């Protein structure tokens, strides 16, 4: 798997978004080429990659459903 490089710009720097896009474009190309070499058709590989990205965005947009429990017995319920 290709190593993801760290950002070179601060969070408030407008160049950071473009850099992130370049990094992920290259990763997406690498994934697609690997899938094609493994025998998947280019179109189905591209669609599967887009669907995976969409599912991740939907996951990020959904409310967190985790219930955090205390690490010790200092909880109100005992």
N, C-alpha and C. Protein backbone atom coordinates (compact mmCIF):
# COMPACT_ATOMS: atom_id res chain seq x y z
N UNK A 1 0.84 -1.19 0.00
CA UNK A 1 0.00 0.00 0.00
C UNK A 1 0.88 1.24 0.00
N UNK A 2 0.44 2.23 -0.70
CA UNK A 2 1.18 3.48 -0.83
C UNK A 2 1.15 4.26 0.48
N UNK A 3 2.28 4.84 0.84
CA UNK A 3 2.35 5.64 2.06
C UNK A 3 1.70 7.00 1.81
N UNK A 4 0.88 7.42 2.76
CA UNK A 4 0.24 8.73 2.67
C UNK A 4 1.17 9.76 3.30
N UNK A 5 1.47 10.80 2.55
CA UNK A 5 2.37 11.83 3.05
C UNK A 5 1.62 12.77 4.00
N UNK A 6 2.36 13.33 4.92
CA UNK A 6 1.79 14.30 5.86
C UNK A 6 1.57 15.63 5.15
N UNK A 7 0.59 16.42 5.62
CA UNK A 7 0.37 17.73 5.00
C UNK A 7 1.55 18.67 5.25
N UNK A 8 1.78 19.52 4.26
CA UNK A 8 2.86 20.51 4.36
C UNK A 8 2.35 21.89 4.77
N UNK A 9 1.03 22.04 4.87
CA UNK A 9 0.44 23.35 5.15
C UNK A 9 -0.41 23.27 6.41
N UNK A 10 -0.53 24.39 7.11
CA UNK A 10 -1.37 24.48 8.30
C UNK A 10 -2.83 24.32 7.94
N UNK A 11 -3.65 24.00 8.91
CA UNK A 11 -5.08 23.77 8.69
C UNK A 11 -5.76 24.97 8.06
N UNK A 12 -5.35 26.18 8.39
CA UNK A 12 -6.00 27.38 7.87
C UNK A 12 -5.39 27.87 6.55
N UNK A 13 -4.44 27.15 5.99
CA UNK A 13 -3.81 27.52 4.72
C UNK A 13 -4.65 26.96 3.57
N UNK A 14 -5.03 27.81 2.64
CA UNK A 14 -5.88 27.40 1.53
C UNK A 14 -5.24 26.35 0.62
N UNK A 15 -3.93 26.26 0.63
CA UNK A 15 -3.23 25.28 -0.22
C UNK A 15 -3.37 23.85 0.31
N UNK A 16 -3.76 23.71 1.56
CA UNK A 16 -3.87 22.38 2.18
C UNK A 16 -4.90 21.50 1.47
N UNK A 17 -6.05 22.07 1.11
CA UNK A 17 -7.10 21.29 0.45
C UNK A 17 -6.61 20.76 -0.90
N UNK A 18 -5.93 21.61 -1.67
CA UNK A 18 -5.42 21.18 -2.98
C UNK A 18 -4.37 20.08 -2.80
N UNK A 19 -3.54 20.23 -1.80
CA UNK A 19 -2.53 19.21 -1.54
C UNK A 19 -3.20 17.88 -1.17
N UNK A 20 -4.22 17.93 -0.33
CA UNK A 20 -4.95 16.73 0.06
C UNK A 20 -5.57 16.06 -1.17
N UNK A 21 -6.14 16.86 -2.05
CA UNK A 21 -6.74 16.31 -3.28
C UNK A 21 -5.69 15.61 -4.13
N UNK A 22 -4.53 16.22 -4.27
CA UNK A 22 -3.45 15.60 -5.07
C UNK A 22 -3.03 14.26 -4.46
N UNK A 23 -2.89 14.23 -3.14
CA UNK A 23 -2.48 12.99 -2.46
C UNK A 23 -3.52 11.90 -2.69
N UNK A 24 -4.80 12.22 -2.51
CA UNK A 24 -5.84 11.20 -2.64
C UNK A 24 -6.13 10.84 -4.10
N UNK A 25 -5.90 11.76 -5.02
CA UNK A 25 -6.01 11.40 -6.45
C UNK A 25 -4.98 10.33 -6.80
N UNK A 26 -3.77 10.50 -6.32
CA UNK A 26 -2.71 9.52 -6.60
C UNK A 26 -3.04 8.18 -5.94
N UNK A 27 -3.55 8.21 -4.73
CA UNK A 27 -3.92 6.96 -4.04
C UNK A 27 -5.06 6.27 -4.79
N UNK A 28 -6.04 7.02 -5.24
CA UNK A 28 -7.16 6.44 -5.98
C UNK A 28 -6.67 5.80 -7.27
N UNK A 29 -5.76 6.47 -7.98
CA UNK A 29 -5.20 5.89 -9.21
C UNK A 29 -4.46 4.59 -8.90
N UNK A 30 -3.68 4.59 -7.83
CA UNK A 30 -2.94 3.39 -7.45
C UNK A 30 -3.88 2.24 -7.12
N UNK A 31 -4.95 2.53 -6.39
CA UNK A 31 -5.93 1.50 -6.05
C UNK A 31 -6.60 0.98 -7.32
N UNK A 32 -7.00 1.88 -8.21
CA UNK A 32 -7.67 1.47 -9.45
C UNK A 32 -6.75 0.61 -10.31
N UNK A 33 -5.51 1.00 -10.46
CA UNK A 33 -4.56 0.23 -11.26
C UNK A 33 -4.33 -1.15 -10.65
N UNK A 34 -4.23 -1.20 -9.33
CA UNK A 34 -4.06 -2.49 -8.65
C UNK A 34 -5.27 -3.39 -8.88
N UNK A 35 -6.46 -2.81 -8.82
CA UNK A 35 -7.69 -3.58 -9.05
C UNK A 35 -7.75 -4.10 -10.48
N UNK A 36 -7.39 -3.26 -11.45
CA UNK A 36 -7.39 -3.66 -12.86
C UNK A 36 -6.39 -4.79 -13.08
N UNK A 37 -5.21 -4.65 -12.49
CA UNK A 37 -4.19 -5.70 -12.61
C UNK A 37 -4.63 -7.01 -11.97
N UNK A 38 -5.53 -6.92 -10.97
CA UNK A 38 -6.04 -8.12 -10.31
C UNK A 38 -7.19 -8.75 -11.08
N UNK A 39 -7.67 -8.06 -12.13
CA UNK A 39 -8.71 -8.64 -12.96
C UNK A 39 -10.05 -7.94 -12.92
N UNK A 40 -10.20 -6.90 -12.12
CA UNK A 40 -11.45 -6.14 -12.10
C UNK A 40 -11.49 -5.20 -13.29
N UNK A 41 -12.68 -4.98 -13.82
CA UNK A 41 -12.83 -4.01 -14.93
C UNK A 41 -12.65 -2.60 -14.36
N UNK A 42 -12.12 -1.72 -15.18
CA UNK A 42 -11.82 -0.35 -14.74
C UNK A 42 -13.07 0.35 -14.20
N UNK A 43 -14.20 0.22 -14.92
CA UNK A 43 -15.43 0.89 -14.50
C UNK A 43 -15.95 0.40 -13.16
N UNK A 44 -15.93 -0.93 -12.97
CA UNK A 44 -16.43 -1.46 -11.70
C UNK A 44 -15.50 -1.11 -10.55
N UNK A 45 -14.21 -1.06 -10.82
CA UNK A 45 -13.25 -0.67 -9.78
C UNK A 45 -13.46 0.80 -9.39
N UNK A 46 -13.64 1.65 -10.39
CA UNK A 46 -13.84 3.08 -10.12
C UNK A 46 -15.14 3.31 -9.34
N UNK A 47 -16.20 2.62 -9.74
CA UNK A 47 -17.48 2.76 -9.05
C UNK A 47 -17.39 2.24 -7.62
N UNK A 48 -16.73 1.12 -7.42
CA UNK A 48 -16.59 0.57 -6.07
C UNK A 48 -15.78 1.52 -5.18
N UNK A 49 -14.76 2.14 -5.75
CA UNK A 49 -13.95 3.10 -4.99
C UNK A 49 -14.78 4.33 -4.63
N UNK A 50 -15.57 4.83 -5.57
CA UNK A 50 -16.44 5.98 -5.30
C UNK A 50 -17.49 5.63 -4.25
N UNK A 51 -18.06 4.43 -4.34
CA UNK A 51 -19.06 4.00 -3.36
C UNK A 51 -18.45 3.88 -1.96
N UNK A 52 -17.23 3.37 -1.88
CA UNK A 52 -16.57 3.26 -0.58
C UNK A 52 -16.33 4.64 0.03
N UNK A 53 -15.92 5.59 -0.81
CA UNK A 53 -15.71 6.95 -0.33
C UNK A 53 -17.03 7.57 0.14
N UNK A 54 -18.10 7.33 -0.61
CA UNK A 54 -19.41 7.86 -0.22
C UNK A 54 -19.87 7.26 1.10
N UNK A 55 -19.69 5.94 1.27
CA UNK A 55 -20.08 5.31 2.54
C UNK A 55 -19.31 5.91 3.70
N UNK A 56 -18.03 6.22 3.49
CA UNK A 56 -17.24 6.81 4.56
C UNK A 56 -17.72 8.22 4.89
N UNK A 57 -18.07 9.00 3.87
CA UNK A 57 -18.60 10.34 4.11
C UNK A 57 -19.92 10.26 4.88
N UNK A 58 -20.78 9.32 4.51
CA UNK A 58 -22.05 9.14 5.23
C UNK A 58 -21.80 8.71 6.67
N UNK A 59 -20.81 7.86 6.89
CA UNK A 59 -20.44 7.46 8.24
C UNK A 59 -20.01 8.68 9.05
N UNK A 60 -19.19 9.55 8.46
CA UNK A 60 -18.74 10.75 9.16
C UNK A 60 -19.90 11.69 9.48
N UNK A 61 -20.90 11.73 8.61
CA UNK A 61 -22.04 12.63 8.79
C UNK A 61 -23.08 12.07 9.75
N UNK A 62 -23.01 10.79 10.06
CA UNK A 62 -24.03 10.19 10.92
C UNK A 62 -23.71 10.47 12.39
N UNK A 63 -24.76 10.49 13.23
CA UNK A 63 -24.51 10.71 14.66
C UNK A 63 -23.74 9.53 15.25
N UNK A 64 -22.90 9.85 16.20
CA UNK A 64 -22.11 8.81 16.85
C UNK A 64 -23.04 7.95 17.69
N UNK A 65 -22.91 6.66 17.55
CA UNK A 65 -23.79 5.74 18.28
C UNK A 65 -23.05 4.97 19.36
N UNK A 66 -21.94 5.46 19.77
CA UNK A 66 -21.16 4.79 20.80
C UNK A 66 -21.62 5.23 22.18
N UNK A 67 -21.64 4.30 23.11
CA UNK A 67 -21.94 4.65 24.50
C UNK A 67 -20.65 4.50 25.28
N UNK A 68 -20.13 5.61 25.79
CA UNK A 68 -18.88 5.57 26.52
C UNK A 68 -19.15 5.14 27.95
N UNK A 69 -18.35 4.22 28.45
CA UNK A 69 -18.47 3.73 29.81
C UNK A 69 -17.26 4.16 30.60
N UNK A 70 -17.43 4.43 31.90
CA UNK A 70 -16.29 4.84 32.70
C UNK A 70 -15.29 3.69 32.83
N UNK A 71 -14.03 4.07 33.01
CA UNK A 71 -12.99 3.07 33.15
C UNK A 71 -12.95 2.46 34.55
N UNK A 72 -13.69 3.06 35.46
CA UNK A 72 -13.71 2.55 36.84
C UNK A 72 -15.14 2.58 37.36
N UNK A 73 -15.33 2.44 38.64
CA UNK A 73 -16.68 2.37 39.20
C UNK A 73 -17.19 3.73 39.68
N UNK A 74 -16.67 4.82 39.15
CA UNK A 74 -17.10 6.16 39.56
C UNK A 74 -18.31 6.64 38.77
N UNK A 75 -19.09 5.74 38.26
CA UNK A 75 -20.26 6.15 37.49
C UNK A 75 -21.45 6.36 38.41
N UNK A 76 -22.42 7.19 38.01
CA UNK A 76 -23.58 7.44 38.84
C UNK A 76 -24.40 6.17 39.14
N UNK A 77 -24.34 5.20 38.25
CA UNK A 77 -25.14 3.99 38.46
C UNK A 77 -24.42 2.96 39.32
N UNK A 78 -23.22 3.29 39.74
CA UNK A 78 -22.57 2.42 40.68
C UNK A 78 -21.41 1.71 40.18
